[in-house]
PDB file of all heavy atoms in Angstrom:
ATOM      1  N   GLU A   1       0.777  -1.206   0.017  1.00  0.00           N
ATOM      2  CA  GLU A   1      -0.026   0.001   0.019  1.00  0.00           C
ATOM      3  C   GLU A   1       0.970   1.355   0.065  1.00  0.00           C
ATOM      4  O   GLU A   1       0.600   2.364  -0.719  1.00  0.00           O
ATOM      5  CB  GLU A   1      -0.987   0.033   1.154  1.00  0.00           C
ATOM      6  CG  GLU A   1      -2.034  -1.158   1.173  1.00  0.00           C
ATOM      7  CD  GLU A   1      -2.831  -1.214  -0.102  1.00  0.00           C
ATOM      8  OE1 GLU A   1      -3.194  -0.136  -0.609  1.00  0.00           O
ATOM      9  OE2 GLU A   1      -2.896  -2.200  -0.675  1.00  0.00           O
ATOM     10  N   TYR A   2       1.878   1.223   0.836  1.00  0.00           N
ATOM     11  CA  TYR A   2       2.863   2.398   0.734  1.00  0.00           C
ATOM     12  C   TYR A   2       3.418   2.534  -0.609  1.00  0.00           C
ATOM     13  O   TYR A   2       3.556   3.703  -1.049  1.00  0.00           O
ATOM     14  CB  TYR A   2       3.909   2.033   1.858  1.00  0.00           C
ATOM     15  CG  TYR A   2       5.200   2.961   1.711  1.00  0.00           C
ATOM     16  CD1 TYR A   2       5.189   4.169   2.522  1.00  0.00           C
ATOM     17  CD2 TYR A   2       6.243   2.552   1.009  1.00  0.00           C
ATOM     18  CE1 TYR A   2       6.397   4.986   2.444  1.00  0.00           C
ATOM     19  CE2 TYR A   2       7.522   3.432   1.000  1.00  0.00           C
ATOM     20  CZ  TYR A   2       7.457   4.503   1.678  1.00  0.00           C
ATOM     21  OH  TYR A   2       8.432   5.462   1.593  1.00  0.00           O
ATOM     22  N   ASN A   3       3.866   1.409  -1.115  1.00  0.00           N
ATOM     23  CA  ASN A   3       4.446   1.431  -2.596  1.00  0.00           C
ATOM     24  C   ASN A   3       3.478   2.028  -3.572  1.00  0.00           C
ATOM     25  O   ASN A   3       3.951   2.776  -4.446  1.00  0.00           O
ATOM     26  CB  ASN A   3       4.748  -0.020  -2.892  1.00  0.00           C
ATOM     27  CG  ASN A   3       5.954  -0.061  -3.949  1.00  0.00           C
ATOM     28  OD1 ASN A   3       6.151   0.876  -4.604  1.00  0.00           O
ATOM     29  ND2 ASN A   3       6.707  -1.164  -3.908  1.00  0.00           N
ATOM     30  N   LYS A   4       2.225   1.586  -3.469  1.00  0.00           N
ATOM     31  CA  LYS A   4       1.299   2.188  -4.453  1.00  0.00           C
ATOM     32  C   LYS A   4       0.984   3.710  -4.402  1.00  0.00           C
ATOM     33  O   LYS A   4       0.994   4.461  -5.335  1.00  0.00           O
ATOM     34  CB  LYS A   4      -0.244   1.450  -4.267  1.00  0.00           C
ATOM     35  CG  LYS A   4      -0.127  -0.027  -4.667  1.00  0.00           C
ATOM     36  CD  LYS A   4      -1.496  -0.591  -4.401  1.00  0.00           C
ATOM     37  CE  LYS A   4      -1.558  -2.109  -4.526  1.00  0.00           C
ATOM     38  NZ  LYS A   4      -2.850  -2.659  -4.320  1.00  0.00           N
ATOM     39  N   VAL A   5       1.025   4.145  -3.091  1.00  0.00           N
ATOM     40  CA  VAL A   5       0.763   5.547  -2.873  1.00  0.00           C
ATOM     41  C   VAL A   5       1.931   6.391  -3.393  1.00  0.00           C
ATOM     42  O   VAL A   5       1.739   7.293  -4.248  1.00  0.00           O
ATOM     43  CB  VAL A   5       0.543   5.832  -1.367  1.00  0.00           C
ATOM     44  CG1 VAL A   5       0.573   7.454  -1.163  1.00  0.00           C
ATOM     45  CG2 VAL A   5      -0.642   5.301  -0.817  1.00  0.00           C
ATOM     46  N   VAL A   6       3.192   5.944  -3.185  1.00  0.00           N
ATOM     47  CA  VAL A   6       4.390   6.711  -3.656  1.00  0.00           C
ATOM     48  C   VAL A   6       4.499   6.650  -5.172  1.00  0.00           C
ATOM     49  O   VAL A   6       4.848   7.513  -5.861  1.00  0.00           O
ATOM     50  CB  VAL A   6       5.572   6.209  -2.918  1.00  0.00           C
ATOM     51  CG1 VAL A   6       6.839   6.985  -3.544  1.00  0.00           C
ATOM     52  CG2 VAL A   6       5.581   6.334  -1.481  1.00  0.00           C
ATOM     53  N   SER A   7       4.220   5.471  -5.726  1.00  0.00           N
ATOM     54  CA  SER A   7       4.183   5.218  -7.157  1.00  0.00           C
ATOM     55  C   SER A   7       3.198   6.107  -7.896  1.00  0.00           C
ATOM     56  O   SER A   7       3.442   6.584  -8.880  1.00  0.00           O
ATOM     57  CB  SER A   7       3.830   3.757  -7.433  1.00  0.00           C
ATOM     58  OG  SER A   7       4.803   2.857  -7.008  1.00  0.00           O
ATOM     59  N   LEU A   8       1.971   6.374  -7.273  1.00  0.00           N
ATOM     60  CA  LEU A   8       0.943   7.266  -7.762  1.00  0.00           C
ATOM     61  C   LEU A   8       1.586   8.664  -7.773  1.00  0.00           C
ATOM     62  O   LEU A   8       1.299   9.403  -8.822  1.00  0.00           O
ATOM     63  CB  LEU A   8      -0.330   7.283  -6.959  1.00  0.00           C
ATOM     64  CG  LEU A   8      -1.208   5.961  -7.153  1.00  0.00           C
ATOM     65  CD1 LEU A   8      -2.469   5.977  -6.243  1.00  0.00           C
ATOM     66  CD2 LEU A   8      -1.803   6.074  -8.708  1.00  0.00           C
ATOM     67  N   LEU A   9       2.252   9.060  -6.819  1.00  0.00           N
ATOM     68  CA  LEU A   9       2.823  10.465  -6.705  1.00  0.00           C
ATOM     69  C   LEU A   9       3.721  10.681  -7.920  1.00  0.00           C
ATOM     70  O   LEU A   9       3.815  11.606  -8.511  1.00  0.00           O
ATOM     71  CB  LEU A   9       3.518  10.638  -5.389  1.00  0.00           C
ATOM     72  CG  LEU A   9       2.736  10.741  -4.130  1.00  0.00           C
ATOM     73  CD1 LEU A   9       3.647  10.909  -2.954  1.00  0.00           C
ATOM     74  CD2 LEU A   9       1.737  11.941  -4.238  1.00  0.00           C
ATOM     75  N   ILE A  10       4.630   9.590  -8.173  1.00  0.00           N
ATOM     76  CA  ILE A  10       5.625   9.663  -9.256  1.00  0.00           C
ATOM     77  C   ILE A  10       5.087   9.614 -10.592  1.00  0.00           C
ATOM     78  O   ILE A  10       5.376  10.419 -11.572  1.00  0.00           O
ATOM     79  CB  ILE A  10       6.666   8.485  -9.067  1.00  0.00           C
ATOM     80  CG1 ILE A  10       7.440   8.716  -7.871  1.00  0.00           C
ATOM     81  CG2 ILE A  10       7.721   8.487 -10.125  1.00  0.00           C
ATOM     82  CD1 ILE A  10       8.233   7.435  -7.475  1.00  0.00           C
ATOM     83  N   SER A  11       4.005   8.621 -10.811  1.00  0.00           N
ATOM     84  CA  SER A  11       3.638   8.374 -12.191  1.00  0.00           C
ATOM     85  C   SER A  11       2.325   9.187 -12.517  1.00  0.00           C
ATOM     86  O   SER A  11       2.116   9.316 -13.744  1.00  0.00           O
ATOM     87  CB  SER A  11       3.331   6.970 -12.391  1.00  0.00           C
ATOM     88  OG  SER A  11       2.333   6.426 -11.486  1.00  0.00           O
ATOM     89  N   VAL A  12       1.660   9.724 -11.508  1.00  0.00           N
ATOM     90  CA  VAL A  12       0.464  10.462 -11.876  1.00  0.00           C
ATOM     91  C   VAL A  12       0.503  11.973 -11.370  1.00  0.00           C
ATOM     92  O   VAL A  12       0.244  12.878 -12.249  1.00  0.00           O
ATOM     93  CB  VAL A  12      -0.784   9.754 -11.076  1.00  0.00           C
ATOM     94  CG1 VAL A  12      -2.068  10.689 -11.467  1.00  0.00           C
ATOM     95  CG2 VAL A  12      -0.863   8.394 -11.642  1.00  0.00           C
ATOM     96  N   LEU A  13       0.852  12.146 -10.122  1.00  0.00           N
ATOM     97  CA  LEU A  13       0.697  13.524  -9.722  1.00  0.00           C
ATOM     98  C   LEU A  13       1.897  14.504 -10.190  1.00  0.00           C
ATOM     99  O   LEU A  13       1.667  15.515 -10.559  1.00  0.00           O
ATOM    100  CB  LEU A  13       0.766  13.548  -8.122  1.00  0.00           C
ATOM    101  CG  LEU A  13       0.468  14.856  -7.316  1.00  0.00           C
ATOM    102  CD1 LEU A  13      -0.858  15.379  -7.701  1.00  0.00           C
ATOM    103  CD2 LEU A  13       0.711  14.704  -5.857  1.00  0.00           C
ATOM    104  N   THR A  14       3.145  13.946 -10.142  1.00  0.00           N
ATOM    105  CA  THR A  14       4.304  14.787 -10.479  1.00  0.00           C
ATOM    106  C   THR A  14       4.103  15.210 -12.005  1.00  0.00           C
ATOM    107  O   THR A  14       4.287  16.433 -12.455  1.00  0.00           O
ATOM    108  CB  THR A  14       5.582  14.217 -10.299  1.00  0.00           C
ATOM    109  OG1 THR A  14       5.677  13.835  -8.879  1.00  0.00           O
ATOM    110  CG2 THR A  14       6.676  15.049 -10.627  1.00  0.00           C
ATOM    111  N   PRO A  15       3.764  14.277 -13.007  1.00  0.00           N
ATOM    112  CA  PRO A  15       3.706  14.737 -14.363  1.00  0.00           C
ATOM    113  C   PRO A  15       2.479  15.626 -14.527  1.00  0.00           C
ATOM    114  O   PRO A  15       2.524  16.570 -15.321  1.00  0.00           O
ATOM    115  CB  PRO A  15       3.416  13.341 -15.052  1.00  0.00           C
ATOM    116  CG  PRO A  15       4.047  12.315 -14.133  1.00  0.00           C
ATOM    117  CD  PRO A  15       3.800  12.878 -12.851  1.00  0.00           C
ATOM    118  N   PHE A  16       1.369  15.514 -13.731  1.00  0.00           N
ATOM    119  CA  PHE A  16       0.306  16.342 -13.736  1.00  0.00           C
ATOM    120  C   PHE A  16       0.651  17.793 -13.385  1.00  0.00           C
ATOM    121  O   PHE A  16       0.124  18.754 -13.942  1.00  0.00           O
ATOM    122  CB  PHE A  16      -0.902  15.889 -12.905  1.00  0.00           C
ATOM    123  CG  PHE A  16      -2.087  16.684 -12.668  1.00  0.00           C
ATOM    124  CD1 PHE A  16      -2.991  16.876 -13.567  1.00  0.00           C
ATOM    125  CD2 PHE A  16      -2.200  17.449 -11.466  1.00  0.00           C
ATOM    126  CE1 PHE A  16      -4.177  17.653 -13.538  1.00  0.00           C
ATOM    127  CE2 PHE A  16      -3.168  18.253 -11.298  1.00  0.00           C
ATOM    128  CZ  PHE A  16      -4.320  18.348 -12.286  1.00  0.00           C
ATOM    129  N   LEU A  17       1.518  17.983 -12.300  1.00  0.00           N
ATOM    130  CA  LEU A  17       1.799  19.188 -11.799  1.00  0.00           C
ATOM    131  C   LEU A  17       2.872  19.849 -12.612  1.00  0.00           C
ATOM    132  O   LEU A  17       2.923  21.128 -12.634  1.00  0.00           O
ATOM    133  CB  LEU A  17       2.391  19.094 -10.297  1.00  0.00           C
ATOM    134  CG  LEU A  17       1.359  18.711  -9.253  1.00  0.00           C
ATOM    135  CD1 LEU A  17       2.135  18.400  -7.917  1.00  0.00           C
ATOM    136  CD2 LEU A  17       0.368  19.653  -9.101  1.00  0.00           C
ATOM    137  N   ASN A  18       3.677  19.187 -13.452  1.00  0.00           N
ATOM    138  CA  ASN A  18       4.791  19.792 -14.103  1.00  0.00           C
ATOM    139  C   ASN A  18       4.342  20.981 -15.109  1.00  0.00           C
ATOM    140  O   ASN A  18       4.961  22.067 -15.002  1.00  0.00           O
ATOM    141  CB  ASN A  18       5.384  18.767 -15.095  1.00  0.00           C
ATOM    142  CG  ASN A  18       6.541  19.359 -15.961  1.00  0.00           C
ATOM    143  OD1 ASN A  18       7.368  19.790 -15.491  1.00  0.00           O
ATOM    144  ND2 ASN A  18       6.354  19.166 -17.287  1.00  0.00           N
ATOM    145  N   PRO A  19       3.271  20.965 -15.900  1.00  0.00           N
ATOM    146  CA  PRO A  19       2.922  22.092 -16.562  1.00  0.00           C
ATOM    147  C   PRO A  19       2.499  23.361 -15.731  1.00  0.00           C
ATOM    148  O   PRO A  19       2.826  24.477 -16.109  1.00  0.00           O
ATOM    149  CB  PRO A  19       1.736  21.730 -17.436  1.00  0.00           C
ATOM    150  CG  PRO A  19       1.824  20.209 -17.468  1.00  0.00           C
ATOM    151  CD  PRO A  19       2.418  19.795 -16.108  1.00  0.00           C
ATOM    152  N   PHE A  20       1.896  23.098 -14.567  1.00  0.00           N
ATOM    153  CA  PHE A  20       1.478  24.079 -13.772  1.00  0.00           C
ATOM    154  C   PHE A  20       2.692  24.891 -13.075  1.00  0.00           C
ATOM    155  O   PHE A  20       2.727  26.001 -12.926  1.00  0.00           O
ATOM    156  CB  PHE A  20       0.455  23.623 -12.743  1.00  0.00           C
ATOM    157  CG  PHE A  20      -0.757  23.087 -13.316  1.00  0.00           C
ATOM    158  CD1 PHE A  20      -0.967  21.786 -13.420  1.00  0.00           C
ATOM    159  CD2 PHE A  20      -1.842  23.961 -13.920  1.00  0.00           C
ATOM    160  CE1 PHE A  20      -2.094  21.328 -14.013  1.00  0.00           C
ATOM    161  CE2 PHE A  20      -3.008  23.413 -14.397  1.00  0.00           C
ATOM    162  CZ  PHE A  20      -3.202  22.118 -14.554  1.00  0.00           C
ATOM    163  N   ILE A  21       3.583  23.978 -12.561  1.00  0.00           N
ATOM    164  CA  ILE A  21       4.731  24.517 -11.937  1.00  0.00           C
ATOM    165  C   ILE A  21       5.546  25.285 -12.897  1.00  0.00           C
ATOM    166  O   ILE A  21       6.058  26.502 -12.386  1.00  0.00           O
ATOM    167  CB  ILE A  21       5.660  23.313 -11.415  1.00  0.00           C
ATOM    168  CG1 ILE A  21       4.880  22.558 -10.294  1.00  0.00           C
ATOM    169  CG2 ILE A  21       6.931  23.856 -10.925  1.00  0.00           C
ATOM    170  CD1 ILE A  21       5.622  21.344  -9.874  1.00  0.00           C
ATOM    171  N   PHE A  22       5.771  24.935 -14.157  1.00  0.00           N
ATOM    172  CA  PHE A  22       6.587  25.641 -15.031  1.00  0.00           C
ATOM    173  C   PHE A  22       5.849  26.806 -15.833  1.00  0.00           C
ATOM    174  O   PHE A  22       6.541  27.477 -16.568  1.00  0.00           O
ATOM    175  CB  PHE A  22       7.323  24.772 -16.027  1.00  0.00           C
ATOM    176  CG  PHE A  22       8.354  23.922 -15.352  1.00  0.00           C
ATOM    177  CD1 PHE A  22       8.219  22.584 -14.872  1.00  0.00           C
ATOM    178  CD2 PHE A  22       9.683  24.553 -15.220  1.00  0.00           C
ATOM    179  CE1 PHE A  22       9.295  21.980 -14.269  1.00  0.00           C
ATOM    180  CE2 PHE A  22      10.709  23.979 -14.598  1.00  0.00           C
ATOM    181  CZ  PHE A  22      10.599  22.717 -14.126  1.00  0.00           C
ATOM    182  N   THR A  23       4.440  26.844 -15.721  1.00  0.00           N
ATOM    183  CA  THR A  23       3.882  27.868 -16.468  1.00  0.00           C
ATOM    184  C   THR A  23       3.419  28.961 -15.574  1.00  0.00           C
ATOM    185  O   THR A  23       3.498  30.276 -15.743  1.00  0.00           O
ATOM    186  CB  THR A  23       2.681  27.440 -17.251  1.00  0.00           C
ATOM    187  OG1 THR A  23       1.807  26.654 -16.452  1.00  0.00           O
ATOM    188  CG2 THR A  23       3.209  26.526 -18.475  1.00  0.00           C
ATOM    189  N   LEU A  24       2.807  28.526 -14.382  1.00  0.00           N
ATOM    190  CA  LEU A  24       2.179  29.616 -13.430  1.00  0.00           C
ATOM    191  C   LEU A  24       3.168  30.485 -12.817  1.00  0.00           C
ATOM    192  O   LEU A  24       2.767  31.630 -12.443  1.00  0.00           O
ATOM    193  CB  LEU A  24       1.295  28.846 -12.364  1.00  0.00           C
ATOM    194  CG  LEU A  24       0.088  28.136 -12.911  1.00  0.00           C
ATOM    195  CD1 LEU A  24      -0.638  27.406 -11.768  1.00  0.00           C
ATOM    196  CD2 LEU A  24      -0.878  28.961 -13.634  1.00  0.00           C
ATOM    197  N   ARG A  25       4.434  30.028 -12.835  1.00  0.00           N
ATOM    198  CA  ARG A  25       5.557  30.766 -12.075  1.00  0.00           C
ATOM    199  C   ARG A  25       6.430  31.350 -13.077  1.00  0.00           C
ATOM    200  O   ARG A  25       7.539  31.831 -12.738  1.00  0.00           O
ATOM    201  CB  ARG A  25       6.168  29.919 -11.073  1.00  0.00           C
ATOM    202  CG  ARG A  25       5.444  29.456  -9.937  1.00  0.00           C
ATOM    203  CD  ARG A  25       6.323  28.796  -8.835  1.00  0.00           C
ATOM    204  NE  ARG A  25       7.175  29.732  -8.273  1.00  0.00           N
ATOM    205  CZ  ARG A  25       6.877  30.549  -7.355  1.00  0.00           C
ATOM    206  NH1 ARG A  25       5.689  30.579  -6.819  1.00  0.00           N
ATOM    207  NH2 ARG A  25       7.895  31.448  -6.884  1.00  0.00           N
ATOM    208  N   ASN A  26       6.166  31.307 -14.394  1.00  0.00           N
ATOM    209  CA  ASN A  26       7.073  31.684 -15.427  1.00  0.00           C
ATOM    210  C   ASN A  26       6.416  32.580 -16.334  1.00  0.00           C
ATOM    211  O   ASN A  26       5.461  32.375 -17.122  1.00  0.00           O
ATOM    212  CB  ASN A  26       7.590  30.568 -16.073  1.00  0.00           C
ATOM    213  CG  ASN A  26       8.862  30.904 -17.045  1.00  0.00           C
ATOM    214  OD1 ASN A  26       8.762  31.794 -17.920  1.00  0.00           O
ATOM    215  ND2 ASN A  26       9.871  30.147 -16.841  1.00  0.00           N
ATOM    216  N   ASP A  27       6.728  34.026 -16.315  1.00  0.00           N
ATOM    217  CA  ASP A  27       6.162  35.023 -17.137  1.00  0.00           C
ATOM    218  C   ASP A  27       6.311  34.810 -18.697  1.00  0.00           C
ATOM    219  O   ASP A  27       5.469  35.072 -19.433  1.00  0.00           O
ATOM    220  CB  ASP A  27       6.621  36.329 -16.759  1.00  0.00           C
ATOM    221  CG  ASP A  27       6.229  36.770 -15.370  1.00  0.00           C
ATOM    222  OD1 ASP A  27       5.035  36.255 -14.926  1.00  0.00           O
ATOM    223  OD2 ASP A  27       6.885  37.499 -14.599  1.00  0.00           O
ATOM    224  N   LYS A  28       7.574  34.411 -18.967  1.00  0.00           N
ATOM    225  CA  LYS A  28       7.894  34.123 -20.481  1.00  0.00           C
ATOM    226  C   LYS A  28       6.978  33.006 -20.934  1.00  0.00           C
ATOM    227  O   LYS A  28       6.551  33.171 -22.105  1.00  0.00           O
ATOM    228  CB  LYS A  28       9.345  33.810 -20.670  1.00  0.00           C
ATOM    229  CG  LYS A  28      10.295  34.827 -20.644  1.00  0.00           C
ATOM    230  CD  LYS A  28      11.636  34.611 -21.142  1.00  0.00           C
ATOM    231  CE  LYS A  28      12.584  35.713 -21.353  1.00  0.00           C
ATOM    232  NZ  LYS A  28      13.864  35.336 -21.838  1.00  0.00           N
ATOM    233  N   VAL A  29       6.747  31.850 -20.204  1.00  0.00           N
ATOM    234  CA  VAL A  29       5.959  30.854 -20.721  1.00  0.00           C
ATOM    235  C   VAL A  29       4.477  31.246 -20.814  1.00  0.00           C
ATOM    236  O   VAL A  29       3.895  30.962 -21.752  1.00  0.00           O
ATOM    237  CB  VAL A  29       6.120  29.583 -19.880  1.00  0.00           C
ATOM    238  CG1 VAL A  29       5.089  28.572 -20.156  1.00  0.00           C
ATOM    239  CG2 VAL A  29       7.578  29.118 -19.816  1.00  0.00           C
ATOM    240  N   LYS A  30       4.026  32.070 -19.765  1.00  0.00           N
ATOM    241  CA  LYS A  30       2.633  32.609 -19.849  1.00  0.00           C
ATOM    242  C   LYS A  30       2.505  33.506 -21.119  1.00  0.00           C
ATOM    243  O   LYS A  30       1.388  33.419 -21.806  1.00  0.00           O
ATOM    244  CB  LYS A  30       2.349  33.180 -18.525  1.00  0.00           C
ATOM    245  CG  LYS A  30       2.108  32.259 -17.396  1.00  0.00           C
ATOM    246  CD  LYS A  30       1.520  32.997 -16.120  1.00  0.00           C
ATOM    247  CE  LYS A  30       2.612  33.751 -15.325  1.00  0.00           C
ATOM    248  NZ  LYS A  30       2.078  34.329 -14.181  1.00  0.00           N
ATOM    249  N   GLU A  31       3.433  34.270 -21.362  1.00  0.00           N
ATOM    250  CA  GLU A  31       3.366  35.257 -22.467  1.00  0.00           C
ATOM    251  C   GLU A  31       3.367  34.506 -23.735  1.00  0.00           C
ATOM    252  O   GLU A  31       2.638  34.829 -24.714  1.00  0.00           O
ATOM    253  CB  GLU A  31       4.400  36.184 -22.335  1.00  0.00           C
ATOM    254  CG  GLU A  31       4.435  37.472 -23.424  1.00  0.00           C
ATOM    255  CD  GLU A  31       5.472  38.377 -23.297  1.00  0.00           C
ATOM    256  OE1 GLU A  31       6.283  38.430 -22.228  1.00  0.00           O
ATOM    257  OE2 GLU A  31       5.681  39.066 -24.257  1.00  0.00           O
TER     258      GLU A  31
END
């Protein structure tokens, strides 16, 4: 169960957050 939770963070949550992390905090990308 521990393994599944951490694997979800790596394979689902982190790739999902990547566009938001690098666009919402970057004026050049937003422009």
